[in-house]
Amino acid sequence: MSRSARLPHLLLCSALALGPSLLPACGGASQDSVTARSASDMTAEQIDADPIALLPASPIAVTNVDARAFYASGTLGPQIGRLTERLIPIGEEAGFRASRDVDRVLVGSYSMQGVDVAAVVVGRFDEKKIAELARKHTASSGAGGAGGAGGAVGQPQGAGGQLVESTYAGRTIFTLNNVGICVLTARTVLAGTETGIRRALDRIKEGRAKRAIPDWMLATLETPGAATALAADLSTQNLANVSAGALKLDWLRGLQKVRILGNFKEPGMEVSGNLTYDTPEGAQTGARGIESANRLANVLAVTGLVPRIQNLDIQVASASVQWKFGVDDQALRNLLGAVEKYAF
């Protein structure tokens, strides 16, 4: 696939790579329509004012990533910069360099018909250059849907699909294999699946882009100083028979809420979190499950593909499990090196 034709898919990948989704998205009801309606559109100033408000309602999981904190990391910054540039290899031809121009990434995971994702990328974007570059390898589907069958106009060899330009809710979307981007302003870009983007655009078109995320999720996302934060509501999920291959993850049974924070601290990064269960007994089982997962992770650490966990601390209070651990710089560098080597 050519560098320019991969723009929509890779921009979304960068959002997810900066804040990897640690949990599956499934189930859950939606409060947002996927049908555009006539109403007052939001101004650029309103769109830029609150990126969280652009995310559709009722997420299963939301992630906030302070991209600048990752890039500024003394030891990890260069590797993360290289990795992101490879994920978004459009370079200066579109006036864009992820390690320079991306400040923040918000990702919401939903379920309507399968897994849907809506991501808000905050930074600096040249809408005209991005559009011109995309259109060199785009077939127009006309107004209406964001999919549609395009011709072979500009179809690069080995692209694996046709990059399609379409209009929805008065804005241009570029999609490839159900993944797309929509440049809203010079500061804000939407990325995600077609449904995820459309739901966000509906809110903007109708002028109702107000925060529609539970307060406990918002508090997690806005934790001061956190380089990355994730919150997930699993209360509607059936986790009774979750497994990883042959390994049964019984300790996930009864898990209701997940909060995870990541910060750059000695020995490299500190990860902390809180798991809320439906019963105190479930929390006790959860704590034992975390201990087992820690032992397994440290056995696998000899491969270099899994970082060694250090100083694991687990505290149980009623139906909640609080935990934290550290991962050293060298282990994180090895992990990123493996991603660079095997993922491309």
C-alpha atoms as a PDB file:
ATOM      1  CA  MET A   1       0.000   0.000   0.000  1.00  0.00           C
ATOM      2  CA  SER A   2       1.400   3.444  -0.857  1.00  0.00           C
ATOM      3  CA  ARG A   3       2.308   5.932   1.837  1.00  0.00           C
ATOM      4  CA  SER A   4      -0.444   8.398   0.976  1.00  0.00           C
ATOM      5  CA  ALA A   5      -3.214   5.838   0.503  1.00  0.00           C
ATOM      6  CA  ARG A   6      -2.649   4.463   3.991  1.00  0.00           C
ATOM      7  CA  LEU A   7      -3.466   7.788   5.661  1.00  0.00           C
ATOM      8  CA  PRO A   8      -6.897   7.020   7.196  1.00  0.00           C
ATOM      9  CA  HIS A   9      -6.038   3.558   8.453  1.00  0.00           C
ATOM     10  CA  LEU A  10      -2.687   4.569   9.860  1.00  0.00           C
ATOM     11  CA  LEU A  11      -3.906   7.696  11.615  1.00  0.00           C
ATOM     12  CA  LEU A  12      -6.328   5.570  13.582  1.00  0.00           C
ATOM     13  CA  CYS A  13      -3.616   3.012  14.266  1.00  0.00           C
ATOM     14  CA  SER A  14      -1.427   5.748  15.723  1.00  0.00           C
ATOM     15  CA  ALA A  15      -4.156   6.709  18.160  1.00  0.00           C
ATOM     16  CA  LEU A  16      -4.525   3.134  19.304  1.00  0.00           C
ATOM     17  CA  ALA A  17      -0.766   2.589  19.401  1.00  0.00           C
ATOM     18  CA  LEU A  18      -0.262   5.611  21.640  1.00  0.00           C
ATOM     19  CA  GLY A  19      -2.993   4.343  23.974  1.00  0.00           C
ATOM     20  CA  PRO A  20      -3.375   0.601  23.446  1.00  0.00           C
ATOM     21  CA  SER A  21      -6.830  -0.692  24.250  1.00  0.00           C
ATOM     22  CA  LEU A  22      -6.354  -3.130  27.103  1.00  0.00           C
ATOM     23  CA  LEU A  23      -9.918  -4.383  27.033  1.00  0.00           C
ATOM     24  CA  PRO A  24     -12.310  -5.672  24.378  1.00  0.00           C
ATOM     25  CA  ALA A  25     -15.325  -3.576  23.411  1.00  0.00           C
ATOM     26  CA  CYS A  26     -18.578  -5.425  23.276  1.00  0.00           C
ATOM     27  CA  GLY A  27     -22.218  -4.920  24.135  1.00  0.00           C
ATOM     28  CA  GLY A  28     -23.611  -1.674  25.469  1.00  0.00           C
ATOM     29  CA  ALA A  29     -26.415   0.556  24.250  1.00  0.00           C
ATOM     30  CA  SER A  30     -26.020   3.743  22.253  1.00  0.00           C
ATOM     31  CA  GLN A  31     -27.714   7.081  22.825  1.00  0.00           C
ATOM     32  CA  ASP A  32     -26.540   8.534  19.502  1.00  0.00           C
ATOM     33  CA  SER A  33     -28.112   8.138  16.079  1.00  0.00           C
ATOM     34  CA  VAL A  34     -26.079   7.392  12.976  1.00  0.00           C
ATOM     35  CA  THR A  35     -28.392   9.471  10.809  1.00  0.00           C
ATOM     36  CA  ALA A  36     -27.457  13.086  10.094  1.00  0.00           C
ATOM     37  CA  ARG A  37     -30.084  15.731  10.777  1.00  0.00           C
ATOM     38  CA  SER A  38     -30.368  19.387   9.857  1.00  0.00           C
ATOM     39  CA  ALA A  39     -29.382  21.639  12.709  1.00  0.00           C
ATOM     40  CA  SER A  40     -26.842  24.262  13.724  1.00  0.00           C
ATOM     41  CA  ASP A  41     -23.298  23.089  13.131  1.00  0.00           C
ATOM     42  CA  MET A  42     -20.644  23.819  15.743  1.00  0.00           C
ATOM     43  CA  THR A  43     -17.977  26.439  15.074  1.00  0.00           C
ATOM     44  CA  ALA A  44     -14.274  25.585  14.914  1.00  0.00           C
ATOM     45  CA  GLU A  45     -13.791  27.297  18.260  1.00  0.00           C
ATOM     46  CA  GLN A  46     -16.489  25.167  19.870  1.00  0.00           C
ATOM     47  CA  ILE A  47     -15.037  21.982  18.379  1.00  0.00           C
ATOM     48  CA  ASP A  48     -11.525  22.752  19.610  1.00  0.00           C
ATOM     49  CA  ALA A  49     -12.688  23.836  23.060  1.00  0.00           C
ATOM     50  CA  ASP A  50     -13.478  20.379  24.467  1.00  0.00           C
ATOM     51  CA  PRO A  51     -12.263  17.242  22.619  1.00  0.00           C
ATOM     52  CA  ILE A  52     -13.930  14.937  25.157  1.00  0.00           C
ATOM     53  CA  ALA A  53     -17.326  16.371  24.218  1.00  0.00           C
ATOM     54  CA  LEU A  54     -16.859  15.126  20.645  1.00  0.00           C
ATOM     55  CA  LEU A  55     -16.837  11.467  21.702  1.00  0.00           C
ATOM     56  CA  PRO A  56     -20.209   9.723  21.279  1.00  0.00           C
ATOM     57  CA  ALA A  57     -22.159   8.715  24.366  1.00  0.00           C
ATOM     58  CA  SER A  58     -22.104   5.360  26.144  1.00  0.00           C
ATOM     59  CA  PRO A  59     -18.538   4.152  25.535  1.00  0.00           C
ATOM     60  CA  ILE A  60     -17.489   0.742  26.748  1.00  0.00           C
ATOM     61  CA  ALA A  61     -13.941   2.040  27.191  1.00  0.00           C
ATOM     62  CA  VAL A  62     -12.226   5.413  26.797  1.00  0.00           C
ATOM     63  CA  THR A  63      -8.507   6.188  26.683  1.00  0.00           C
ATOM     64  CA  ASN A  64      -6.703   9.514  27.009  1.00  0.00           C
ATOM     65  CA  VAL A  65      -3.076   9.801  25.895  1.00  0.00           C
ATOM     66  CA  ASP A  66      -0.802  12.776  26.543  1.00  0.00           C
ATOM     67  CA  ALA A  67       1.257  12.328  23.380  1.00  0.00           C
ATOM     68  CA  ARG A  68       3.676  15.076  24.336  1.00  0.00           C
ATOM     69  CA  ALA A  69       4.551  13.264  27.576  1.00  0.00           C
ATOM     70  CA  PHE A  70       5.424  10.127  25.611  1.00  0.00           C
ATOM     71  CA  TYR A  71       7.498  11.972  23.043  1.00  0.00           C
ATOM     72  CA  ALA A  72       9.295  13.927  25.764  1.00  0.00           C
ATOM     73  CA  SER A  73      10.324  10.772  27.611  1.00  0.00           C
ATOM     74  CA  GLY A  74      14.108  10.876  27.808  1.00  0.00           C
ATOM     75  CA  THR A  75      14.683   7.220  26.976  1.00  0.00           C
ATOM     76  CA  LEU A  76      11.471   6.175  25.229  1.00  0.00           C
ATOM     77  CA  GLY A  77      10.787   9.334  23.244  1.00  0.00           C
ATOM     78  CA  PRO A  78      12.993   8.565  20.203  1.00  0.00           C
ATOM     79  CA  GLN A  79      11.623   5.015  19.844  1.00  0.00           C
ATOM     80  CA  ILE A  80       8.022   6.130  20.215  1.00  0.00           C
ATOM     81  CA  GLY A  81       8.665   8.880  17.699  1.00  0.00           C
ATOM     82  CA  ARG A  82      10.060   6.419  15.158  1.00  0.00           C
ATOM     83  CA  LEU A  83       7.212   3.975  15.761  1.00  0.00           C
ATOM     84  CA  THR A  84       4.565   6.635  15.260  1.00  0.00           C
ATOM     85  CA  GLU A  85       6.236   7.937  12.108  1.00  0.00           C
ATOM     86  CA  ARG A  86       6.111   4.415  10.705  1.00  0.00           C
ATOM     87  CA  LEU A  87       2.437   4.143  11.652  1.00  0.00           C
ATOM     88  CA  ILE A  88       1.705   7.433   9.854  1.00  0.00           C
ATOM     89  CA  PRO A  89       4.269   7.532   7.053  1.00  0.00           C
ATOM     90  CA  ILE A  90       2.824  10.554   5.219  1.00  0.00           C
ATOM     91  CA  GLY A  91       5.537  12.922   6.407  1.00  0.00           C
ATOM     92  CA  GLU A  92       6.008  16.491   5.317  1.00  0.00           C
ATOM     93  CA  GLU A  93       4.232  15.876   1.997  1.00  0.00           C
ATOM     94  CA  ALA A  94       1.018  16.463   3.956  1.00  0.00           C
ATOM     95  CA  GLY A  95       2.576  19.023   6.293  1.00  0.00           C
ATOM     96  CA  PHE A  96       2.338  16.489   9.096  1.00  0.00           C
ATOM     97  CA  ARG A  97       4.724  14.699  11.435  1.00  0.00           C
ATOM     98  CA  ALA A  98       3.070  12.828  14.301  1.00  0.00           C
ATOM     99  CA  SER A  99       5.918  13.253  16.791  1.00  0.00           C
ATOM    100  CA  ARG A 100       5.828  16.990  16.189  1.00  0.00           C
ATOM    101  CA  ASP A 101       2.179  17.694  15.520  1.00  0.00           C
ATOM    102  CA  VAL A 102       0.128  15.377  17.780  1.00  0.00           C
ATOM    103  CA  ASP A 103      -0.517  16.618  21.320  1.00  0.00           C
ATOM    104  CA  ARG A 104      -3.330  14.446  22.607  1.00  0.00           C
ATOM    105  CA  VAL A 105      -5.356  11.412  21.575  1.00  0.00           C
ATOM    106  CA  LEU A 106      -8.765  10.385  22.924  1.00  0.00           C
ATOM    107  CA  VAL A 107     -10.184   7.010  21.918  1.00  0.00           C
ATOM    108  CA  GLY A 108     -13.680   5.729  22.633  1.00  0.00           C
ATOM    109  CA  SER A 109     -14.660   2.095  22.023  1.00  0.00           C
ATOM    110  CA  TYR A 110     -18.305   1.238  21.366  1.00  0.00           C
ATOM    111  CA  SER A 111     -20.493  -1.556  20.099  1.00  0.00           C
ATOM    112  CA  MET A 112     -23.382  -1.171  17.704  1.00  0.00           C
ATOM    113  CA  GLN A 113     -22.914  -3.767  14.979  1.00  0.00           C
ATOM    114  CA  GLY A 114     -19.524  -5.126  15.932  1.00  0.00           C
ATOM    115  CA  VAL A 115     -16.770  -3.040  17.496  1.00  0.00           C
ATOM    116  CA  ASP A 116     -16.779   0.668  16.675  1.00  0.00           C
ATOM    117  CA  VAL A 117     -14.113   3.217  17.520  1.00  0.00           C
ATOM    118  CA  ALA A 118     -14.162   7.013  17.583  1.00  0.00           C
ATOM    119  CA  ALA A 119     -10.879   8.816  18.166  1.00  0.00           C
ATOM    120  CA  VAL A 120     -10.204  12.538  18.569  1.00  0.00           C
ATOM    121  CA  VAL A 121      -6.651  13.548  17.677  1.00  0.00           C
ATOM    122  CA  VAL A 122      -5.572  17.004  18.863  1.00  0.00           C
ATOM    123  CA  GLY A 123      -2.593  18.758  17.338  1.00  0.00           C
ATOM    124  CA  ARG A 124      -1.740  20.726  14.229  1.00  0.00           C
ATOM    125  CA  PHE A 125      -3.094  19.711  10.817  1.00  0.00           C
ATOM    126  CA  ASP A 126      -3.018  21.182   7.334  1.00  0.00           C
ATOM    127  CA  GLU A 127      -6.473  20.273   6.077  1.00  0.00           C
ATOM    128  CA  LYS A 128      -5.817  21.298   2.477  1.00  0.00           C
ATOM    129  CA  LYS A 129      -2.586  19.313   2.153  1.00  0.00           C
ATOM    130  CA  ILE A 130      -4.082  16.220   3.769  1.00  0.00           C
ATOM    131  CA  ALA A 131      -7.143  16.416   1.517  1.00  0.00           C
ATOM    132  CA  GLU A 132      -5.064  16.944  -1.621  1.00  0.00           C
ATOM    133  CA  LEU A 133      -2.807  14.019  -0.766  1.00  0.00           C
ATOM    134  CA  ALA A 134      -5.745  11.736   0.005  1.00  0.00           C
ATOM    135  CA  ARG A 135      -7.590  12.700  -3.167  1.00  0.00           C
ATOM    136  CA  LYS A 136      -4.678  11.617  -5.330  1.00  0.00           C
ATOM    137  CA  HIS A 137      -5.653   8.066  -4.376  1.00  0.00           C
ATOM    138  CA  THR A 138      -9.375   8.504  -3.811  1.00  0.00           C
ATOM    139  CA  ALA A 139     -12.528   7.547  -5.683  1.00  0.00           C
ATOM    140  CA  SER A 140     -15.582   9.647  -4.865  1.00  0.00           C
ATOM    141  CA  SER A 141     -18.738   7.911  -3.681  1.00  0.00           C
ATOM    142  CA  GLY A 142     -20.783  11.094  -3.776  1.00  0.00           C
ATOM    143  CA  ALA A 143     -22.819  12.597  -0.958  1.00  0.00           C
ATOM    144  CA  GLY A 144     -24.304  10.275   1.593  1.00  0.00           C
ATOM    145  CA  GLY A 145     -22.512   7.191   2.850  1.00  0.00           C
ATOM    146  CA  ALA A 146     -18.914   6.918   3.887  1.00  0.00           C
ATOM    147  CA  GLY A 147     -18.475   3.593   2.157  1.00  0.00           C
ATOM    148  CA  GLY A 148     -19.742   2.844  -1.285  1.00  0.00           C
ATOM    149  CA  ALA A 149     -18.106   1.410  -4.310  1.00  0.00           C
ATOM    150  CA  GLY A 150     -15.554   3.668  -5.889  1.00  0.00           C
ATOM    151  CA  GLY A 151     -13.820   3.188  -9.169  1.00  0.00           C
ATOM    152  CA  ALA A 152     -10.178   2.382  -9.533  1.00  0.00           C
ATOM    153  CA  VAL A 153      -9.181   6.037  -9.768  1.00  0.00           C
ATOM    154  CA  GLY A 154      -5.778   6.437  -8.183  1.00  0.00           C
ATOM    155  CA  GLN A 155      -5.848   2.871  -6.916  1.00  0.00           C
ATOM    156  CA  PRO A 156      -2.290   2.080  -5.804  1.00  0.00           C
ATOM    157  CA  GLN A 157      -0.982  -1.423  -6.399  1.00  0.00           C
ATOM    158  CA  GLY A 158      -1.383  -3.610  -3.319  1.00  0.00           C
ATOM    159  CA  ALA A 159      -3.566  -1.082  -1.484  1.00  0.00           C
ATOM    160  CA  GLY A 160      -5.932  -3.774  -0.271  1.00  0.00           C
ATOM    161  CA  GLY A 161      -8.954  -1.549  -0.846  1.00  0.00           C
ATOM    162  CA  GLN A 162     -10.141   1.690  -2.402  1.00  0.00           C
ATOM    163  CA  LEU A 163      -9.702   4.912  -0.495  1.00  0.00           C
ATOM    164  CA  VAL A 164     -13.112   6.593  -0.726  1.00  0.00           C
ATOM    165  CA  GLU A 165     -14.042  10.237  -0.307  1.00  0.00           C
ATOM    166  CA  SER A 166     -17.573  10.931   0.843  1.00  0.00           C
ATOM    167  CA  THR A 167     -19.645  13.621   2.511  1.00  0.00           C
ATOM    168  CA  TYR A 168     -21.568  13.115   5.728  1.00  0.00           C
ATOM    169  CA  ALA A 169     -23.219  15.770   7.900  1.00  0.00           C
ATOM    170  CA  GLY A 170     -21.642  18.395   5.670  1.00  0.00           C
ATOM    171  CA  ARG A 171     -18.051  17.194   6.184  1.00  0.00           C
ATOM    172  CA  THR A 172     -15.592  15.196   4.116  1.00  0.00           C
ATOM    173  CA  ILE A 173     -14.554  11.733   5.247  1.00  0.00           C
ATOM    174  CA  PHE A 174     -11.772   9.630   3.744  1.00  0.00           C
ATOM    175  CA  THR A 175     -12.202   5.910   4.422  1.00  0.00           C
ATOM    176  CA  LEU A 176     -10.312   2.753   3.609  1.00  0.00           C
ATOM    177  CA  ASN A 177     -11.678  -0.667   4.590  1.00  0.00           C
ATOM    178  CA  ASN A 178     -14.157   0.865   7.069  1.00  0.00           C
ATOM    179  CA  VAL A 179     -11.517   3.016   8.785  1.00  0.00           C
ATOM    180  CA  GLY A 180     -11.386   6.745   8.153  1.00  0.00           C
ATOM    181  CA  ILE A 181     -10.474  10.273   9.105  1.00  0.00           C
ATOM    182  CA  CYS A 182     -12.264  13.597   9.030  1.00  0.00           C
ATOM    183  CA  VAL A 183     -10.350  16.848   9.506  1.00  0.00           C
ATOM    184  CA  LEU A 184     -12.634  19.083  11.563  1.00  0.00           C
ATOM    185  CA  THR A 185     -10.322  22.050  12.152  1.00  0.00           C
ATOM    186  CA  ALA A 186      -6.628  22.874  12.000  1.00  0.00           C
ATOM    187  CA  ARG A 187      -6.453  21.546  15.585  1.00  0.00           C
ATOM    188  CA  THR A 188      -8.834  18.590  15.637  1.00  0.00           C
ATOM    189  CA  VAL A 189      -9.191  15.412  13.571  1.00  0.00           C
ATOM    190  CA  LEU A 190     -11.702  12.585  13.942  1.00  0.00           C
ATOM    191  CA  ALA A 191     -10.530   9.055  13.237  1.00  0.00           C
ATOM    192  CA  GLY A 192     -12.144   5.661  13.644  1.00  0.00           C
ATOM    193  CA  THR A 193     -14.592   3.282  12.068  1.00  0.00           C
ATOM    194  CA  GLU A 194     -17.264   4.699   9.771  1.00  0.00           C
ATOM    195  CA  THR A 195     -19.983   4.338  12.390  1.00  0.00           C
ATOM    196  CA  GLY A 196     -17.830   5.878  15.102  1.00  0.00           C
ATOM    197  CA  ILE A 197     -17.016   8.912  12.956  1.00  0.00           C
ATOM    198  CA  ARG A 198     -20.637   9.345  11.865  1.00  0.00           C
ATOM    199  CA  ARG A 199     -21.913   9.289  15.426  1.00  0.00           C
ATOM    200  CA  ALA A 200     -19.443  12.019  16.362  1.00  0.00           C
ATOM    201  CA  LEU A 201     -20.368  14.081  13.297  1.00  0.00           C
ATOM    202  CA  ASP A 202     -24.069  13.802  14.143  1.00  0.00           C
ATOM    203  CA  ARG A 203     -23.372  15.373  17.517  1.00  0.00           C
ATOM    204  CA  ILE A 204     -21.397  18.195  15.905  1.00  0.00           C
ATOM    205  CA  LYS A 205     -24.017  18.813  13.206  1.00  0.00           C
ATOM    206  CA  GLU A 206     -26.812  18.941  15.755  1.00  0.00           C
ATOM    207  CA  GLY A 207     -24.854  21.232  18.060  1.00  0.00           C
ATOM    208  CA  ARG A 208     -25.193  18.760  20.924  1.00  0.00           C
ATOM    209  CA  ALA A 209     -21.542  17.835  21.435  1.00  0.00           C
ATOM    210  CA  LYS A 210     -21.598  17.957  25.207  1.00  0.00           C
ATOM    211  CA  ARG A 211     -19.833  15.555  27.517  1.00  0.00           C
ATOM    212  CA  ALA A 212     -21.823  12.321  27.563  1.00  0.00           C
ATOM    213  CA  ILE A 213     -19.420  10.133  29.532  1.00  0.00           C
ATOM    214  CA  PRO A 214     -20.002   9.027  33.147  1.00  0.00           C
ATOM    215  CA  ASP A 215     -18.374  11.211  35.797  1.00  0.00           C
ATOM    216  CA  TRP A 216     -16.128   8.416  37.076  1.00  0.00           C
ATOM    217  CA  MET A 217     -14.753   7.907  33.555  1.00  0.00           C
ATOM    218  CA  LEU A 218     -14.157  11.638  33.158  1.00  0.00           C
ATOM    219  CA  ALA A 219     -12.345  11.782  36.498  1.00  0.00           C
ATOM    220  CA  THR A 220     -10.057   8.969  35.341  1.00  0.00           C
ATOM    221  CA  LEU A 221      -9.318  10.597  31.967  1.00  0.00           C
ATOM    222  CA  GLU A 222      -8.530  13.934  33.609  1.00  0.00           C
ATOM    223  CA  THR A 223      -6.246  12.596  36.343  1.00  0.00           C
ATOM    224  CA  PRO A 224      -3.581  15.312  36.785  1.00  0.00           C
ATOM    225  CA  GLY A 225      -0.157  14.348  35.474  1.00  0.00           C
ATOM    226  CA  ALA A 226      -1.204  11.037  33.905  1.00  0.00           C
ATOM    227  CA  ALA A 227       0.617  10.252  30.665  1.00  0.00           C
ATOM    228  CA  THR A 228      -2.168   7.833  29.754  1.00  0.00           C
ATOM    229  CA  ALA A 229      -5.472   6.895  31.358  1.00  0.00           C
ATOM    230  CA  LEU A 230      -8.089   4.257  30.569  1.00  0.00           C
ATOM    231  CA  ALA A 231     -11.569   3.715  31.991  1.00  0.00           C
ATOM    232  CA  ALA A 232     -13.877   0.850  31.061  1.00  0.00           C
ATOM    233  CA  ASP A 233     -17.423  -0.033  32.087  1.00  0.00           C
ATOM    234  CA  LEU A 234     -17.807  -3.816  31.950  1.00  0.00           C
ATOM    235  CA  SER A 235     -21.010  -4.011  33.988  1.00  0.00           C
ATOM    236  CA  THR A 236     -23.009  -5.151  30.963  1.00  0.00           C
ATOM    237  CA  GLN A 237     -20.452  -7.708  29.804  1.00  0.00           C
ATOM    238  CA  ASN A 238     -20.472 -11.447  30.404  1.00  0.00           C
ATOM    239  CA  LEU A 239     -16.927 -12.211  31.585  1.00  0.00           C
ATOM    240  CA  ALA A 240     -17.725 -15.545  33.170  1.00  0.00           C
ATOM    241  CA  ASN A 241     -15.960 -17.596  30.503  1.00  0.00           C
ATOM    242  CA  VAL A 242     -13.213 -15.281  29.275  1.00  0.00           C
ATOM    243  CA  SER A 243      -9.961 -17.019  28.382  1.00  0.00           C
ATOM    244  CA  ALA A 244      -6.623 -16.326  26.727  1.00  0.00           C
ATOM    245  CA  GLY A 245      -5.977 -19.396  24.651  1.00  0.00           C
ATOM    246  CA  ALA A 246      -6.070 -22.348  27.019  1.00  0.00           C
ATOM    247  CA  LEU A 247      -5.729 -20.052  30.049  1.00  0.00           C
ATOM    248  CA  LYS A 248      -9.019 -19.397  31.832  1.00  0.00           C
ATOM    249  CA  LEU A 249      -9.349 -15.898  33.269  1.00  0.00           C
ATOM    250  CA  ASP A 250     -11.851 -16.693  35.997  1.00  0.00           C
ATOM    251  CA  TRP A 251     -10.707 -13.690  38.039  1.00  0.00           C
ATOM    252  CA  LEU A 252     -12.486 -11.410  35.553  1.00  0.00           C
ATOM    253  CA  ARG A 253     -15.884 -12.793  36.565  1.00  0.00           C
ATOM    254  CA  GLY A 254     -17.992 -10.061  38.190  1.00  0.00           C
ATOM    255  CA  LEU A 255     -15.660  -7.246  37.097  1.00  0.00           C
ATOM    256  CA  GLN A 256     -17.652  -4.013  36.783  1.00  0.00           C
ATOM    257  CA  LYS A 257     -15.288  -1.056  36.332  1.00  0.00           C
ATOM    258  CA  VAL A 258     -11.659  -0.693  35.324  1.00  0.00           C
ATOM    259  CA  ARG A 259      -9.418   2.337  35.843  1.00  0.00           C
ATOM    260  CA  ILE A 260      -5.792   2.342  34.651  1.00  0.00           C
ATOM    261  CA  LEU A 261      -3.187   5.125  34.830  1.00  0.00           C
ATOM    262  CA  GLY A 262       0.335   5.262  33.416  1.00  0.00           C
ATOM    263  CA  ASN A 263       3.029   7.758  34.424  1.00  0.00           C
ATOM    264  CA  PHE A 264       6.739   8.118  33.736  1.00  0.00           C
ATOM    265  CA  LYS A 265       8.411   7.392  37.062  1.00  0.00           C
ATOM    266  CA  GLU A 266      11.329   5.330  38.289  1.00  0.00           C
ATOM    267  CA  PRO A 267      12.265   2.723  37.204  1.00  0.00           C
ATOM    268  CA  GLY A 268      10.704   3.802  33.901  1.00  0.00           C
ATOM    269  CA  MET A 269       6.911   3.771  33.967  1.00  0.00           C
ATOM    270  CA  GLU A 270       4.528   3.255  36.855  1.00  0.00           C
ATOM    271  CA  VAL A 271       1.176   1.655  36.043  1.00  0.00           C
ATOM    272  CA  SER A 272      -1.609   1.760  38.613  1.00  0.00           C
ATOM    273  CA  GLY A 273      -5.251   0.874  38.579  1.00  0.00           C
ATOM    274  CA  ASN A 274      -8.466   0.014  40.307  1.00  0.00           C
ATOM    275  CA  LEU A 275     -10.773  -2.911  39.582  1.00  0.00           C
ATOM    276  CA  THR A 276     -14.305  -2.788  40.968  1.00  0.00           C
ATOM    277  CA  TYR A 277     -16.204  -6.087  41.324  1.00  0.00           C
ATOM    278  CA  ASP A 278     -19.818  -6.882  42.052  1.00  0.00           C
ATOM    279  CA  THR A 279     -18.955  -8.542  45.385  1.00  0.00           C
ATOM    280  CA  PRO A 280     -16.096  -8.506  47.932  1.00  0.00           C
ATOM    281  CA  GLU A 281     -15.548 -12.212  47.155  1.00  0.00           C
ATOM    282  CA  GLY A 282     -15.046 -11.299  43.500  1.00  0.00           C
ATOM    283  CA  ALA A 283     -12.419  -8.743  44.518  1.00  0.00           C
ATOM    284  CA  GLN A 284     -10.508 -11.379  46.493  1.00  0.00           C
ATOM    285  CA  THR A 285     -10.543 -13.687  43.478  1.00  0.00           C
ATOM    286  CA  GLY A 286      -9.445 -10.751  41.317  1.00  0.00           C
ATOM    287  CA  ALA A 287      -6.467 -10.032  43.549  1.00  0.00           C
ATOM    288  CA  ARG A 288      -5.329 -13.645  43.328  1.00  0.00           C
ATOM    289  CA  GLY A 289      -5.758 -13.515  39.563  1.00  0.00           C
ATOM    290  CA  ILE A 290      -3.528 -10.436  39.308  1.00  0.00           C
ATOM    291  CA  GLU A 291      -0.852 -12.212  41.329  1.00  0.00           C
ATOM    292  CA  SER A 292      -1.029 -15.201  38.970  1.00  0.00           C
ATOM    293  CA  ALA A 293      -0.864 -12.939  35.920  1.00  0.00           C
ATOM    294  CA  ASN A 294       2.196 -11.234  37.422  1.00  0.00           C
ATOM    295  CA  ARG A 295       3.998 -14.555  37.850  1.00  0.00           C
ATOM    296  CA  LEU A 296       3.175 -15.568  34.285  1.00  0.00           C
ATOM    297  CA  ALA A 297       4.301 -12.202  32.896  1.00  0.00           C
ATOM    298  CA  ASN A 298       7.655 -12.442  34.644  1.00  0.00           C
ATOM    299  CA  VAL A 299       8.186 -15.953  33.298  1.00  0.00           C
ATOM    300  CA  LEU A 300       7.458 -14.683  29.776  1.00  0.00           C
ATOM    301  CA  ALA A 301       9.744 -11.696  30.346  1.00  0.00           C
ATOM    302  CA  VAL A 302      12.749 -13.860  29.481  1.00  0.00           C
ATOM    303  CA  THR A 303      11.566 -13.727  25.850  1.00  0.00           C
ATOM    304  CA  GLY A 304      11.997  -9.970  25.800  1.00  0.00           C
ATOM    305  CA  LEU A 305       8.514  -9.558  24.345  1.00  0.00           C
ATOM    306  CA  VAL A 306       6.873  -8.978  27.728  1.00  0.00           C
ATOM    307  CA  PRO A 307       8.344  -6.437  30.170  1.00  0.00           C
ATOM    308  CA  ARG A 308       9.232  -7.641  33.656  1.00  0.00           C
ATOM    309  CA  ILE A 309       6.873  -6.314  36.307  1.00  0.00           C
ATOM    310  CA  GLN A 310       8.527  -4.821  39.376  1.00  0.00           C
ATOM    311  CA  ASN A 311       7.276  -3.989  42.874  1.00  0.00           C
ATOM    312  CA  LEU A 312       3.723  -5.209  42.398  1.00  0.00           C
ATOM    313  CA  ASP A 313       1.515  -3.940  45.200  1.00  0.00           C
ATOM    314  CA  ILE A 314      -2.093  -5.164  45.602  1.00  0.00           C
ATOM    315  CA  GLN A 315      -4.606  -3.864  48.116  1.00  0.00           C
ATOM    316  CA  VAL A 316      -8.179  -5.119  48.520  1.00  0.00           C
ATOM    317  CA  ALA A 317     -10.867  -2.924  50.062  1.00  0.00           C
ATOM    318  CA  SER A 318     -14.389  -4.341  50.055  1.00  0.00           C
ATOM    319  CA  ALA A 319     -15.291  -4.933  46.381  1.00  0.00           C
ATOM    320  CA  SER A 320     -12.316  -3.026  44.940  1.00  0.00           C
ATOM    321  CA  VAL A 321      -8.762  -4.062  44.088  1.00  0.00           C
ATOM    322  CA  GLN A 322      -6.113  -1.354  43.913  1.00  0.00           C
ATOM    323  CA  TRP A 323      -2.783  -2.230  42.355  1.00  0.00           C
ATOM    324  CA  LYS A 324       0.379  -0.697  40.948  1.00  0.00           C
ATOM    325  CA  PHE A 325       3.663  -1.859  39.529  1.00  0.00           C
ATOM    326  CA  GLY A 326       6.734  -0.508  37.765  1.00  0.00           C
ATOM    327  CA  VAL A 327       8.348  -1.372  34.449  1.00  0.00           C
ATOM    328  CA  ASP A 328      11.973  -0.353  33.877  1.00  0.00           C
ATOM    329  CA  ASP A 329      13.205   1.669  30.915  1.00  0.00           C
ATOM    330  CA  GLN A 330      15.197  -1.172  29.404  1.00  0.00           C
ATOM    331  CA  ALA A 331      12.195  -3.502  29.398  1.00  0.00           C
ATOM    332  CA  LEU A 332      10.058  -0.862  27.729  1.00  0.00           C
ATOM    333  CA  ARG A 333      12.749  -0.194  25.128  1.00  0.00           C
ATOM    334  CA  ASN A 334      12.955  -3.927  24.401  1.00  0.00           C
ATOM    335  CA  LEU A 335       9.181  -4.095  24.012  1.00  0.00           C
ATOM    336  CA  LEU A 336       9.097  -1.135  21.624  1.00  0.00           C
ATOM    337  CA  GLY A 337      12.024  -2.604  19.716  1.00  0.00           C
ATOM    338  CA  ALA A 338      10.099  -5.839  19.243  1.00  0.00           C
ATOM    339  CA  VAL A 339       7.090  -3.876  17.986  1.00  0.00           C
ATOM    340  CA  GLU A 340       9.284  -2.035  15.491  1.00  0.00           C
ATOM    341  CA  LYS A 341      10.863  -5.287  14.335  1.00  0.00           C
ATOM    342  CA  TYR A 342       7.853  -7.542  14.029  1.00  0.00           C
ATOM    343  CA  ALA A 343       4.889  -5.234  13.411  1.00  0.00           C
ATOM    344  CA  PHE A 344       6.127  -3.774  10.100  1.00  0.00           C
END
